[in-house]
Amino acid sequence: MTDPVKPRRAYRSTRRAELVAQTRRDIVMSAGQAFRERGYVGVTMPSIADAAGVGVETIYRAFGSKAGLFKAVIDAAVAGGPSRAEVDVEERPAIRAVIGEPDPRRQVELYAATQPGIHRRSGALLLALAGAAATDPELRALSDEIEGARFTGQGRFVGMLAERGVLRPRLSIEDGSAILWTLCSVAVYDSLVTRRGWSAERYEAWLAQSLIDQLLPELEP
């Protein structure tokens, strides 16, 4: 004999999980807008709570600290939204296209094509973090964590090139990762696009060709 109560409990549990997830997304969206408008220092947790329509304790339970919330905002900006940030990186459509592309030059071009959008969405936040990290140990640790994760993630792309036998001869995965990490940094994007006035299209084309020149074997004449 089946227990008629179990389906109702399962439904309630699923519904509660959905509400918790949506509340988390609402907090991230409200915090993202506040951080972009007023910077890290100018934003308080109570002001974010008011904007999101939740209690301050709810934010601390979900993110642990203001720095933890800021990281969630950056993760969402990089991914293209809070919901996308909940999906594994390799399952995101743009990254799946990179992984599935058999031609190495086209693969690098597809990778370069992901960068303008990432920097457009997260660049101001990352630059604000870099500035605030100079005087805040917690933010310094957060900056180091984000850059370390970026280096590791980009290293996986270089490792994939090596596994497919298309990484430039005598270029180690470590050095290739450092090259990719540097060329794809927000500092380079900010220098060329924000300060020098390059279009996103020009930046993308330059980045793709630079990565091809640095990571792939030279074309035979």
N, C-alpha and C. Protein backbone atom coordinates (compact mmCIF):
# COMPACT_ATOMS: atom_id res chain seq x y z
N MET A 1 0.85 -1.20 0.00
CA MET A 1 0.00 0.00 0.00
C MET A 1 0.88 1.24 0.00
N THR A 2 0.65 2.14 -0.90
CA THR A 2 1.48 3.34 -0.99
C THR A 2 1.04 4.37 0.03
N ASP A 3 1.98 5.17 0.43
CA ASP A 3 1.71 6.24 1.39
C ASP A 3 1.29 7.49 0.63
N PRO A 4 0.05 7.97 0.76
CA PRO A 4 -0.42 9.12 -0.02
C PRO A 4 0.25 10.44 0.37
N VAL A 5 0.96 10.44 1.51
CA VAL A 5 1.56 11.70 1.97
C VAL A 5 2.87 12.01 1.24
N LYS A 6 3.61 10.97 0.84
CA LYS A 6 4.94 11.16 0.27
C LYS A 6 4.96 12.06 -0.96
N PRO A 7 4.05 11.89 -1.94
CA PRO A 7 4.09 12.78 -3.10
C PRO A 7 3.93 14.25 -2.73
N ARG A 8 3.05 14.54 -1.73
CA ARG A 8 2.85 15.91 -1.31
C ARG A 8 4.12 16.47 -0.69
N ARG A 9 4.82 15.65 0.13
CA ARG A 9 6.05 16.11 0.74
C ARG A 9 7.13 16.35 -0.32
N ALA A 10 7.20 15.47 -1.31
CA ALA A 10 8.18 15.65 -2.38
C ALA A 10 7.90 16.92 -3.16
N TYR A 11 6.61 17.17 -3.41
CA TYR A 11 6.24 18.39 -4.14
C TYR A 11 6.62 19.62 -3.34
N ARG A 12 6.31 19.59 -2.03
CA ARG A 12 6.62 20.74 -1.18
C ARG A 12 8.14 20.97 -1.12
N SER A 13 8.88 19.89 -1.04
CA SER A 13 10.34 20.00 -0.99
C SER A 13 10.88 20.61 -2.28
N THR A 14 10.37 20.14 -3.42
CA THR A 14 10.81 20.67 -4.72
C THR A 14 10.42 22.13 -4.85
N ARG A 15 9.19 22.45 -4.44
CA ARG A 15 8.72 23.83 -4.53
C ARG A 15 9.56 24.74 -3.66
N ARG A 16 9.91 24.27 -2.46
CA ARG A 16 10.72 25.09 -1.56
C ARG A 16 12.11 25.31 -2.15
N ALA A 17 12.69 24.27 -2.75
CA ALA A 17 14.02 24.41 -3.38
C ALA A 17 13.97 25.42 -4.51
N GLU A 18 12.89 25.41 -5.29
CA GLU A 18 12.74 26.37 -6.38
C GLU A 18 12.64 27.80 -5.85
N LEU A 19 11.89 27.98 -4.76
CA LEU A 19 11.75 29.32 -4.17
C LEU A 19 13.08 29.83 -3.62
N VAL A 20 13.84 28.91 -2.97
CA VAL A 20 15.15 29.29 -2.43
C VAL A 20 16.08 29.70 -3.56
N ALA A 21 16.07 28.92 -4.66
CA ALA A 21 16.94 29.23 -5.80
C ALA A 21 16.55 30.56 -6.42
N GLN A 22 15.24 30.82 -6.56
CA GLN A 22 14.80 32.09 -7.14
C GLN A 22 15.15 33.27 -6.24
N THR A 23 15.02 33.08 -4.94
CA THR A 23 15.40 34.14 -4.00
C THR A 23 16.88 34.46 -4.14
N ARG A 24 17.70 33.43 -4.29
CA ARG A 24 19.13 33.63 -4.47
C ARG A 24 19.40 34.42 -5.75
N ARG A 25 18.71 34.08 -6.82
CA ARG A 25 18.89 34.81 -8.09
C ARG A 25 18.47 36.27 -7.94
N ASP A 26 17.36 36.51 -7.24
CA ASP A 26 16.88 37.89 -7.04
C ASP A 26 17.91 38.71 -6.26
N ILE A 27 18.51 38.09 -5.25
CA ILE A 27 19.53 38.79 -4.46
C ILE A 27 20.73 39.13 -5.34
N VAL A 28 21.17 38.17 -6.15
CA VAL A 28 22.32 38.40 -7.02
C VAL A 28 22.03 39.52 -8.01
N MET A 29 20.84 39.54 -8.59
CA MET A 29 20.48 40.58 -9.55
C MET A 29 20.46 41.95 -8.87
N SER A 30 19.85 42.04 -7.70
CA SER A 30 19.80 43.31 -6.98
C SER A 30 21.19 43.77 -6.57
N ALA A 31 22.00 42.84 -6.09
CA ALA A 31 23.35 43.18 -5.67
C ALA A 31 24.20 43.61 -6.86
N GLY A 32 24.03 42.94 -7.99
CA GLY A 32 24.80 43.29 -9.17
C GLY A 32 24.52 44.71 -9.62
N GLN A 33 23.26 45.10 -9.62
CA GLN A 33 22.90 46.47 -10.01
C GLN A 33 23.50 47.48 -9.03
N ALA A 34 23.44 47.15 -7.73
CA ALA A 34 23.96 48.06 -6.72
C ALA A 34 25.47 48.21 -6.82
N PHE A 35 26.18 47.10 -6.99
CA PHE A 35 27.64 47.14 -7.08
C PHE A 35 28.09 47.93 -8.31
N ARG A 36 27.37 47.78 -9.41
CA ARG A 36 27.74 48.51 -10.63
C ARG A 36 27.50 50.01 -10.47
N GLU A 37 26.44 50.36 -9.75
CA GLU A 37 26.10 51.77 -9.61
C GLU A 37 26.94 52.47 -8.54
N ARG A 38 27.25 51.77 -7.43
CA ARG A 38 27.88 52.45 -6.29
C ARG A 38 29.23 51.86 -5.88
N GLY A 39 29.69 50.83 -6.61
CA GLY A 39 30.96 50.22 -6.23
C GLY A 39 30.82 49.31 -5.04
N TYR A 40 31.90 48.65 -4.68
CA TYR A 40 31.84 47.68 -3.58
C TYR A 40 31.66 48.38 -2.24
N VAL A 41 32.47 49.38 -1.97
CA VAL A 41 32.46 50.06 -0.68
C VAL A 41 31.14 50.81 -0.46
N GLY A 42 30.57 51.33 -1.52
CA GLY A 42 29.37 52.15 -1.39
C GLY A 42 28.09 51.36 -1.20
N VAL A 43 28.16 50.05 -1.19
CA VAL A 43 26.96 49.21 -1.06
C VAL A 43 26.94 48.55 0.32
N THR A 44 25.80 48.58 0.97
CA THR A 44 25.64 47.91 2.26
C THR A 44 24.73 46.70 2.11
N MET A 45 24.89 45.75 2.99
CA MET A 45 24.05 44.56 2.94
C MET A 45 22.57 44.90 3.20
N PRO A 46 22.25 45.81 4.15
CA PRO A 46 20.84 46.17 4.32
C PRO A 46 20.23 46.79 3.07
N SER A 47 21.01 47.58 2.31
CA SER A 47 20.45 48.19 1.10
C SER A 47 20.16 47.12 0.05
N ILE A 48 21.01 46.10 -0.04
CA ILE A 48 20.76 45.00 -0.97
C ILE A 48 19.53 44.22 -0.53
N ALA A 49 19.42 43.99 0.78
CA ALA A 49 18.26 43.26 1.30
C ALA A 49 16.96 44.00 0.99
N ASP A 50 16.97 45.32 1.15
CA ASP A 50 15.77 46.11 0.84
C ASP A 50 15.42 46.00 -0.64
N ALA A 51 16.43 46.09 -1.50
CA ALA A 51 16.18 46.03 -2.94
C ALA A 51 15.67 44.67 -3.37
N ALA A 52 16.16 43.62 -2.72
CA ALA A 52 15.74 42.25 -3.07
C ALA A 52 14.48 41.82 -2.35
N GLY A 53 14.05 42.58 -1.35
CA GLY A 53 12.84 42.23 -0.61
C GLY A 53 13.03 41.06 0.33
N VAL A 54 14.24 40.96 0.92
CA VAL A 54 14.53 39.87 1.86
C VAL A 54 15.18 40.45 3.10
N GLY A 55 15.34 39.63 4.12
CA GLY A 55 16.04 40.06 5.32
C GLY A 55 17.54 39.93 5.14
N VAL A 56 18.30 40.73 5.89
CA VAL A 56 19.75 40.67 5.79
C VAL A 56 20.27 39.28 6.15
N GLU A 57 19.62 38.65 7.13
CA GLU A 57 20.07 37.32 7.54
C GLU A 57 19.93 36.30 6.42
N THR A 58 18.96 36.50 5.54
CA THR A 58 18.80 35.60 4.39
C THR A 58 20.01 35.69 3.47
N ILE A 59 20.52 36.89 3.27
CA ILE A 59 21.70 37.05 2.41
C ILE A 59 22.91 36.39 3.03
N TYR A 60 23.09 36.58 4.34
CA TYR A 60 24.24 35.96 5.00
C TYR A 60 24.15 34.43 4.98
N ARG A 61 22.94 33.90 5.13
CA ARG A 61 22.78 32.44 5.06
C ARG A 61 23.13 31.92 3.67
N ALA A 62 22.77 32.67 2.65
CA ALA A 62 22.98 32.21 1.28
C ALA A 62 24.42 32.39 0.80
N PHE A 63 25.07 33.48 1.23
CA PHE A 63 26.38 33.83 0.64
C PHE A 63 27.51 33.95 1.65
N GLY A 64 27.18 33.94 2.92
CA GLY A 64 28.21 33.94 3.94
C GLY A 64 28.73 35.31 4.33
N SER A 65 28.98 36.16 3.35
CA SER A 65 29.56 37.47 3.61
C SER A 65 29.30 38.38 2.41
N LYS A 66 29.64 39.63 2.55
CA LYS A 66 29.52 40.57 1.44
C LYS A 66 30.46 40.16 0.31
N ALA A 67 31.66 39.72 0.66
CA ALA A 67 32.61 39.25 -0.36
C ALA A 67 32.08 38.02 -1.08
N GLY A 68 31.43 37.12 -0.34
CA GLY A 68 30.84 35.94 -0.97
C GLY A 68 29.73 36.31 -1.93
N LEU A 69 28.93 37.30 -1.57
CA LEU A 69 27.88 37.79 -2.46
C LEU A 69 28.50 38.44 -3.70
N PHE A 70 29.57 39.21 -3.51
CA PHE A 70 30.23 39.86 -4.63
C PHE A 70 30.76 38.82 -5.61
N LYS A 71 31.30 37.72 -5.10
CA LYS A 71 31.78 36.65 -5.97
C LYS A 71 30.63 36.05 -6.77
N ALA A 72 29.48 35.85 -6.12
CA ALA A 72 28.32 35.31 -6.82
C ALA A 72 27.87 36.26 -7.93
N VAL A 73 27.95 37.56 -7.69
CA VAL A 73 27.60 38.55 -8.70
C VAL A 73 28.56 38.47 -9.89
N ILE A 74 29.86 38.34 -9.61
CA ILE A 74 30.84 38.22 -10.68
C ILE A 74 30.63 36.93 -11.46
N ASP A 75 30.38 35.83 -10.76
CA ASP A 75 30.13 34.54 -11.44
C ASP A 75 28.93 34.66 -12.37
N ALA A 76 27.89 35.32 -11.90
CA ALA A 76 26.69 35.48 -12.73
C ALA A 76 26.98 36.37 -13.94
N ALA A 77 27.79 37.41 -13.74
CA ALA A 77 28.12 38.31 -14.85
C ALA A 77 28.93 37.57 -15.90
N VAL A 78 29.88 36.77 -15.48
CA VAL A 78 30.70 36.00 -16.41
C VAL A 78 29.84 35.02 -17.21
N ALA A 79 28.92 34.37 -16.51
CA ALA A 79 28.09 33.34 -17.15
C ALA A 79 27.00 33.93 -18.03
N GLY A 80 26.57 35.16 -17.73
CA GLY A 80 25.49 35.76 -18.49
C GLY A 80 24.18 35.79 -17.74
N GLY A 81 24.22 35.62 -16.43
CA GLY A 81 23.03 35.68 -15.60
C GLY A 81 23.09 34.66 -14.47
N PRO A 82 22.33 34.88 -13.38
CA PRO A 82 22.36 33.95 -12.25
C PRO A 82 21.97 32.53 -12.61
N SER A 83 20.99 32.36 -13.49
CA SER A 83 20.57 31.01 -13.87
C SER A 83 21.67 30.29 -14.64
N ARG A 84 22.33 30.99 -15.54
CA ARG A 84 23.41 30.38 -16.32
C ARG A 84 24.59 30.02 -15.44
N ALA A 85 24.80 30.78 -14.37
CA ALA A 85 25.91 30.49 -13.46
C ALA A 85 25.70 29.17 -12.73
N GLU A 86 24.44 28.70 -12.67
CA GLU A 86 24.14 27.44 -11.99
C GLU A 86 24.47 26.22 -12.87
N VAL A 87 24.77 26.45 -14.15
CA VAL A 87 25.08 25.38 -15.09
C VAL A 87 26.59 25.20 -15.16
N ASP A 88 27.06 23.95 -15.20
CA ASP A 88 28.48 23.69 -15.33
C ASP A 88 29.03 24.40 -16.56
N VAL A 89 30.25 24.93 -16.44
CA VAL A 89 30.84 25.71 -17.51
C VAL A 89 30.84 24.95 -18.83
N GLU A 90 31.23 23.68 -18.78
CA GLU A 90 31.35 22.90 -20.02
C GLU A 90 30.01 22.56 -20.64
N GLU A 91 28.92 22.83 -19.92
CA GLU A 91 27.58 22.59 -20.46
C GLU A 91 26.96 23.83 -21.08
N ARG A 92 27.64 24.96 -20.97
CA ARG A 92 27.12 26.19 -21.57
C ARG A 92 27.31 26.13 -23.08
N PRO A 93 26.32 26.61 -23.84
CA PRO A 93 26.35 26.44 -25.31
C PRO A 93 27.63 26.92 -25.97
N ALA A 94 28.13 28.09 -25.59
CA ALA A 94 29.33 28.62 -26.25
C ALA A 94 30.55 27.74 -25.99
N ILE A 95 30.65 27.22 -24.78
CA ILE A 95 31.79 26.36 -24.44
C ILE A 95 31.63 25.00 -25.10
N ARG A 96 30.41 24.50 -25.19
CA ARG A 96 30.18 23.24 -25.89
C ARG A 96 30.56 23.36 -27.36
N ALA A 97 30.31 24.53 -27.93
CA ALA A 97 30.69 24.74 -29.33
C ALA A 97 32.20 24.73 -29.49
N VAL A 98 32.91 25.32 -28.53
CA VAL A 98 34.38 25.31 -28.56
C VAL A 98 34.90 23.89 -28.47
N ILE A 99 34.38 23.13 -27.53
CA ILE A 99 34.85 21.76 -27.31
C ILE A 99 34.56 20.89 -28.52
N GLY A 100 33.40 21.10 -29.14
CA GLY A 100 33.00 20.23 -30.25
C GLY A 100 33.60 20.60 -31.60
N GLU A 101 34.28 21.74 -31.70
CA GLU A 101 34.84 22.18 -32.97
C GLU A 101 36.11 21.39 -33.30
N PRO A 102 36.16 20.69 -34.44
CA PRO A 102 37.33 19.87 -34.78
C PRO A 102 38.52 20.66 -35.32
N ASP A 103 38.28 21.83 -35.94
CA ASP A 103 39.37 22.59 -36.53
C ASP A 103 40.01 23.48 -35.46
N PRO A 104 41.31 23.34 -35.20
CA PRO A 104 41.95 24.08 -34.10
C PRO A 104 41.89 25.60 -34.26
N ARG A 105 42.09 26.11 -35.48
CA ARG A 105 42.03 27.56 -35.66
C ARG A 105 40.61 28.08 -35.37
N ARG A 106 39.62 27.38 -35.89
CA ARG A 106 38.25 27.78 -35.63
C ARG A 106 37.92 27.64 -34.14
N GLN A 107 38.50 26.63 -33.51
CA GLN A 107 38.29 26.42 -32.08
C GLN A 107 38.80 27.61 -31.27
N VAL A 108 39.98 28.09 -31.61
CA VAL A 108 40.53 29.26 -30.93
C VAL A 108 39.69 30.50 -31.23
N GLU A 109 39.21 30.63 -32.45
CA GLU A 109 38.37 31.77 -32.79
C GLU A 109 37.07 31.76 -31.98
N LEU A 110 36.48 30.57 -31.81
CA LEU A 110 35.26 30.47 -31.02
C LEU A 110 35.54 30.81 -29.56
N TYR A 111 36.70 30.40 -29.07
CA TYR A 111 37.07 30.74 -27.69
C TYR A 111 37.21 32.25 -27.55
N ALA A 112 37.90 32.88 -28.49
CA ALA A 112 38.08 34.33 -28.45
C ALA A 112 36.74 35.06 -28.50
N ALA A 113 35.78 34.48 -29.21
CA ALA A 113 34.47 35.11 -29.36
C ALA A 113 33.70 35.17 -28.03
N THR A 114 34.07 34.32 -27.06
CA THR A 114 33.39 34.36 -25.76
C THR A 114 33.85 35.53 -24.90
N GLN A 115 35.00 36.10 -25.21
CA GLN A 115 35.62 37.05 -24.29
C GLN A 115 34.99 38.45 -24.27
N PRO A 116 34.63 39.06 -25.42
CA PRO A 116 34.06 40.41 -25.33
C PRO A 116 32.82 40.49 -24.44
N GLY A 117 31.93 39.52 -24.56
CA GLY A 117 30.72 39.53 -23.73
C GLY A 117 31.03 39.37 -22.26
N ILE A 118 31.96 38.48 -21.95
CA ILE A 118 32.35 38.28 -20.55
C ILE A 118 32.88 39.57 -19.96
N HIS A 119 33.78 40.23 -20.69
CA HIS A 119 34.37 41.47 -20.17
C HIS A 119 33.35 42.61 -20.12
N ARG A 120 32.46 42.65 -21.08
CA ARG A 120 31.43 43.70 -21.07
C ARG A 120 30.55 43.57 -19.83
N ARG A 121 30.23 42.32 -19.47
CA ARG A 121 29.33 42.09 -18.33
C ARG A 121 30.05 42.19 -16.98
N SER A 122 31.30 41.73 -16.92
CA SER A 122 31.97 41.61 -15.63
C SER A 122 33.16 42.54 -15.45
N GLY A 123 33.58 43.22 -16.51
CA GLY A 123 34.80 44.01 -16.45
C GLY A 123 34.80 45.06 -15.36
N ALA A 124 33.72 45.85 -15.27
CA ALA A 124 33.66 46.91 -14.25
C ALA A 124 33.73 46.33 -12.85
N LEU A 125 33.09 45.18 -12.65
CA LEU A 125 33.11 44.54 -11.34
C LEU A 125 34.52 44.05 -10.99
N LEU A 126 35.19 43.44 -11.95
CA LEU A 126 36.53 42.92 -11.70
C LEU A 126 37.53 44.04 -11.46
N LEU A 127 37.40 45.13 -12.20
CA LEU A 127 38.29 46.27 -11.99
C LEU A 127 38.04 46.91 -10.63
N ALA A 128 36.77 46.97 -10.22
CA ALA A 128 36.45 47.48 -8.89
C ALA A 128 37.03 46.58 -7.81
N LEU A 129 36.96 45.27 -8.04
CA LEU A 129 37.53 44.32 -7.09
C LEU A 129 39.03 44.50 -6.98
N ALA A 130 39.70 44.66 -8.11
CA ALA A 130 41.15 44.84 -8.10
C ALA A 130 41.55 46.07 -7.31
N GLY A 131 40.78 47.15 -7.45
CA GLY A 131 41.07 48.37 -6.71
C GLY A 131 40.84 48.22 -5.22
N ALA A 132 39.71 47.60 -4.85
CA ALA A 132 39.38 47.44 -3.44
C ALA A 132 40.28 46.42 -2.75
N ALA A 133 40.79 45.45 -3.52
CA ALA A 133 41.62 44.39 -2.94
C ALA A 133 42.93 44.91 -2.38
N ALA A 134 43.34 46.08 -2.86
CA ALA A 134 44.62 46.63 -2.41
C ALA A 134 44.61 46.95 -0.92
N THR A 135 43.43 47.22 -0.35
CA THR A 135 43.35 47.60 1.06
C THR A 135 42.47 46.67 1.90
N ASP A 136 41.92 45.63 1.29
CA ASP A 136 41.01 44.73 2.00
C ASP A 136 41.51 43.29 1.83
N PRO A 137 42.03 42.67 2.90
CA PRO A 137 42.56 41.30 2.80
C PRO A 137 41.54 40.29 2.30
N GLU A 138 40.28 40.44 2.70
CA GLU A 138 39.24 39.50 2.28
C GLU A 138 39.03 39.60 0.77
N LEU A 139 39.04 40.83 0.25
CA LEU A 139 38.87 41.01 -1.19
C LEU A 139 40.13 40.61 -1.95
N ARG A 140 41.28 40.77 -1.32
CA ARG A 140 42.52 40.29 -1.94
C ARG A 140 42.46 38.78 -2.13
N ALA A 141 41.96 38.09 -1.10
CA ALA A 141 41.81 36.63 -1.19
C ALA A 141 40.79 36.27 -2.26
N LEU A 142 39.71 37.05 -2.36
CA LEU A 142 38.69 36.79 -3.38
C LEU A 142 39.26 37.00 -4.77
N SER A 143 40.02 38.07 -4.95
CA SER A 143 40.64 38.34 -6.25
C SER A 143 41.59 37.21 -6.64
N ASP A 144 42.38 36.76 -5.69
CA ASP A 144 43.30 35.65 -5.96
C ASP A 144 42.53 34.38 -6.32
N GLU A 145 41.42 34.15 -5.63
CA GLU A 145 40.59 32.96 -5.91
C GLU A 145 40.02 33.01 -7.32
N ILE A 146 39.50 34.18 -7.71
CA ILE A 146 38.90 34.32 -9.04
C ILE A 146 39.95 34.15 -10.13
N GLU A 147 41.10 34.79 -9.95
CA GLU A 147 42.16 34.68 -10.97
C GLU A 147 42.73 33.27 -11.02
N GLY A 148 42.82 32.62 -9.86
CA GLY A 148 43.29 31.23 -9.84
C GLY A 148 42.33 30.30 -10.58
N ALA A 149 41.03 30.52 -10.37
CA ALA A 149 40.03 29.71 -11.06
C ALA A 149 40.05 29.98 -12.56
N ARG A 150 40.27 31.24 -12.93
CA ARG A 150 40.35 31.57 -14.36
C ARG A 150 41.56 30.89 -15.00
N PHE A 151 42.69 30.91 -14.30
CA PHE A 151 43.90 30.26 -14.83
C PHE A 151 43.67 28.76 -14.99
N THR A 152 43.04 28.15 -14.00
CA THR A 152 42.77 26.72 -14.07
C THR A 152 41.82 26.39 -15.22
N GLY A 153 40.76 27.17 -15.35
CA GLY A 153 39.80 26.92 -16.42
C GLY A 153 40.40 27.10 -17.79
N GLN A 154 41.18 28.15 -17.96
CA GLN A 154 41.80 28.38 -19.26
C GLN A 154 42.90 27.36 -19.52
N GLY A 155 43.49 26.85 -18.44
CA GLY A 155 44.47 25.78 -18.61
C GLY A 155 43.85 24.52 -19.18
N ARG A 156 42.56 24.30 -18.86
CA ARG A 156 41.89 23.11 -19.41
C ARG A 156 41.76 23.23 -20.93
N PHE A 157 41.55 24.45 -21.43
CA PHE A 157 41.47 24.64 -22.87
C PHE A 157 42.82 24.37 -23.52
N VAL A 158 43.89 24.88 -22.92
CA VAL A 158 45.22 24.62 -23.46
C VAL A 158 45.54 23.13 -23.38
N GLY A 159 45.16 22.50 -22.29
CA GLY A 159 45.37 21.06 -22.17
C GLY A 159 44.63 20.28 -23.24
N MET A 160 43.44 20.74 -23.60
CA MET A 160 42.69 20.08 -24.66
C MET A 160 43.41 20.20 -25.99
N LEU A 161 43.99 21.38 -26.26
CA LEU A 161 44.77 21.54 -27.48
C LEU A 161 45.95 20.57 -27.49
N ALA A 162 46.59 20.42 -26.33
CA ALA A 162 47.72 19.50 -26.24
C ALA A 162 47.29 18.06 -26.46
N GLU A 163 46.15 17.67 -25.87
CA GLU A 163 45.65 16.31 -26.04
C GLU A 163 45.33 16.01 -27.49
N ARG A 164 44.90 17.01 -28.22
CA ARG A 164 44.55 16.81 -29.64
C ARG A 164 45.77 16.95 -30.56
N GLY A 165 46.93 17.22 -29.94
CA GLY A 165 48.15 17.31 -30.72
C GLY A 165 48.29 18.56 -31.55
N VAL A 166 47.62 19.64 -31.16
CA VAL A 166 47.65 20.86 -31.95
C VAL A 166 48.26 22.04 -31.18
N LEU A 167 48.80 21.78 -29.99
CA LEU A 167 49.47 22.86 -29.26
C LEU A 167 50.84 23.10 -29.88
N ARG A 168 51.24 24.34 -29.90
CA ARG A 168 52.51 24.74 -30.52
C ARG A 168 53.66 23.88 -29.98
N PRO A 169 54.52 23.37 -30.85
CA PRO A 169 55.65 22.55 -30.40
C PRO A 169 56.51 23.29 -29.37
N ARG A 170 56.95 22.55 -28.36
CA ARG A 170 57.82 23.03 -27.28
C ARG A 170 57.16 24.07 -26.38
N LEU A 171 55.85 24.25 -26.52
CA LEU A 171 55.12 25.12 -25.61
C LEU A 171 54.46 24.25 -24.54
N SER A 172 54.82 24.45 -23.30
CA SER A 172 54.24 23.66 -22.22
C SER A 172 52.81 24.11 -21.94
N ILE A 173 52.03 23.23 -21.33
CA ILE A 173 50.67 23.59 -20.96
C ILE A 173 50.69 24.74 -19.96
N GLU A 174 51.65 24.73 -19.04
CA GLU A 174 51.76 25.81 -18.05
C GLU A 174 52.00 27.16 -18.72
N ASP A 175 52.94 27.20 -19.66
CA ASP A 175 53.23 28.46 -20.34
C ASP A 175 52.08 28.88 -21.26
N GLY A 176 51.49 27.89 -21.92
CA GLY A 176 50.34 28.21 -22.77
C GLY A 176 49.18 28.77 -21.96
N SER A 177 48.98 28.22 -20.77
CA SER A 177 47.92 28.71 -19.89
C SER A 177 48.20 30.14 -19.45
N ALA A 178 49.47 30.43 -19.16
CA ALA A 178 49.85 31.78 -18.74
C ALA A 178 49.62 32.79 -19.88
N ILE A 179 49.90 32.36 -21.11
CA ILE A 179 49.68 33.24 -22.26
C ILE A 179 48.18 33.51 -22.43
N LEU A 180 47.38 32.46 -22.37
CA LEU A 180 45.93 32.62 -22.53
C LEU A 180 45.36 33.47 -21.40
N TRP A 181 45.79 33.21 -20.18
CA TRP A 181 45.34 33.95 -19.00
C TRP A 181 45.66 35.43 -19.13
N THR A 182 46.82 35.75 -19.67
CA THR A 182 47.23 37.15 -19.81
C THR A 182 46.48 37.85 -20.93
N LEU A 183 46.43 37.24 -22.11
CA LEU A 183 45.80 37.88 -23.26
C LEU A 183 44.30 38.05 -23.06
N CYS A 184 43.68 37.14 -22.32
CA CYS A 184 42.23 37.21 -22.10
C CYS A 184 41.86 37.97 -20.83
N SER A 185 42.82 38.64 -20.20
CA SER A 185 42.55 39.35 -18.95
C SER A 185 41.69 40.58 -19.19
N VAL A 186 40.98 40.99 -18.14
CA VAL A 186 40.17 42.21 -18.23
C VAL A 186 41.06 43.43 -18.39
N ALA A 187 42.30 43.37 -17.90
CA ALA A 187 43.21 44.50 -18.04
C ALA A 187 43.53 44.78 -19.50
N VAL A 188 43.74 43.72 -20.28
CA VAL A 188 44.02 43.89 -21.71
C VAL A 188 42.78 44.43 -22.42
N TYR A 189 41.63 43.85 -22.12
CA TYR A 189 40.39 44.33 -22.72
C TYR A 189 40.16 45.80 -22.39
N ASP A 190 40.35 46.16 -21.12
CA ASP A 190 40.12 47.53 -20.70
C ASP A 190 41.08 48.49 -21.41
N SER A 191 42.34 48.06 -21.57
CA SER A 191 43.32 48.92 -22.23
C SER A 191 42.94 49.18 -23.69
N LEU A 192 42.52 48.13 -24.39
CA LEU A 192 42.26 48.26 -25.82
C LEU A 192 40.87 48.83 -26.14
N VAL A 193 39.87 48.33 -25.46
CA VAL A 193 38.49 48.72 -25.78
C VAL A 193 38.08 50.01 -25.05
N THR A 194 38.27 50.02 -23.73
CA THR A 194 37.83 51.18 -22.96
C THR A 194 38.74 52.38 -23.16
N ARG A 195 40.04 52.16 -23.10
CA ARG A 195 40.98 53.28 -23.12
C ARG A 195 41.39 53.68 -24.54
N ARG A 196 41.59 52.70 -25.42
CA ARG A 196 42.03 53.03 -26.77
C ARG A 196 40.89 53.11 -27.77
N GLY A 197 39.69 52.74 -27.34
CA GLY A 197 38.52 52.92 -28.18
C GLY A 197 38.30 51.85 -29.25
N TRP A 198 38.95 50.69 -29.10
CA TRP A 198 38.71 49.62 -30.07
C TRP A 198 37.27 49.15 -29.96
N SER A 199 36.71 48.72 -31.08
CA SER A 199 35.39 48.08 -31.06
C SER A 199 35.55 46.66 -30.52
N ALA A 200 34.43 46.09 -30.06
CA ALA A 200 34.46 44.71 -29.59
C ALA A 200 34.88 43.76 -30.71
N GLU A 201 34.47 44.09 -31.94
CA GLU A 201 34.80 43.24 -33.09
C GLU A 201 36.31 43.27 -33.37
N ARG A 202 36.89 44.46 -33.28
CA ARG A 202 38.34 44.57 -33.51
C ARG A 202 39.11 43.83 -32.42
N TYR A 203 38.67 43.99 -31.17
CA TYR A 203 39.31 43.29 -30.06
C TYR A 203 39.23 41.78 -30.25
N GLU A 204 38.06 41.28 -30.61
CA GLU A 204 37.88 39.84 -30.80
C GLU A 204 38.79 39.30 -31.91
N ALA A 205 38.85 40.02 -33.03
CA ALA A 205 39.70 39.58 -34.14
C ALA A 205 41.17 39.59 -33.74
N TRP A 206 41.59 40.63 -33.02
CA TRP A 206 42.98 40.70 -32.56
C TRP A 206 43.29 39.57 -31.59
N LEU A 207 42.37 39.32 -30.66
CA LEU A 207 42.58 38.27 -29.66
C LEU A 207 42.68 36.91 -30.33
N ALA A 208 41.77 36.64 -31.26
CA ALA A 208 41.80 35.35 -31.95
C ALA A 208 43.12 35.14 -32.68
N GLN A 209 43.57 36.14 -33.41
CA GLN A 209 44.82 35.99 -34.16
C GLN A 209 46.02 35.88 -33.22
N SER A 210 46.00 36.63 -32.14
CA SER A 210 47.09 36.57 -31.17
C SER A 210 47.18 35.19 -30.53
N LEU A 211 46.03 34.62 -30.20
CA LEU A 211 46.02 33.29 -29.59
C LEU A 211 46.44 32.22 -30.60
N ILE A 212 46.02 32.36 -31.84
CA ILE A 212 46.44 31.43 -32.88
C ILE A 212 47.96 31.48 -33.05
N ASP A 213 48.50 32.70 -33.08
CA ASP A 213 49.94 32.87 -33.25
C ASP A 213 50.73 32.30 -32.08
N GLN A 214 50.18 32.40 -30.88
CA GLN A 214 50.91 32.00 -29.69
C GLN A 214 50.71 30.52 -29.33
N LEU A 215 49.53 29.98 -29.60
CA LEU A 215 49.20 28.63 -29.11
C LEU A 215 49.28 27.53 -30.15
N LEU A 216 49.07 27.85 -31.40
CA LEU A 216 49.02 26.83 -32.45
C LEU A 216 50.32 26.78 -33.23
N PRO A 217 50.61 25.66 -33.87
CA PRO A 217 51.82 25.56 -34.69
C PRO A 217 51.79 26.56 -35.85
N GLU A 218 52.96 26.99 -36.27
CA GLU A 218 53.03 27.89 -37.41
C GLU A 218 52.56 27.16 -38.67
N LEU A 219 51.87 27.90 -39.54
CA LEU A 219 51.45 27.31 -40.80
C LEU A 219 52.67 27.16 -41.72
N GLU A 220 52.73 26.04 -42.38
CA GLU A 220 53.85 25.82 -43.30
C GLU A 220 53.67 26.69 -44.53
N PRO A 221 54.77 27.32 -45.03
CA PRO A 221 54.66 28.19 -46.20
C PRO A 221 54.26 27.39 -47.45
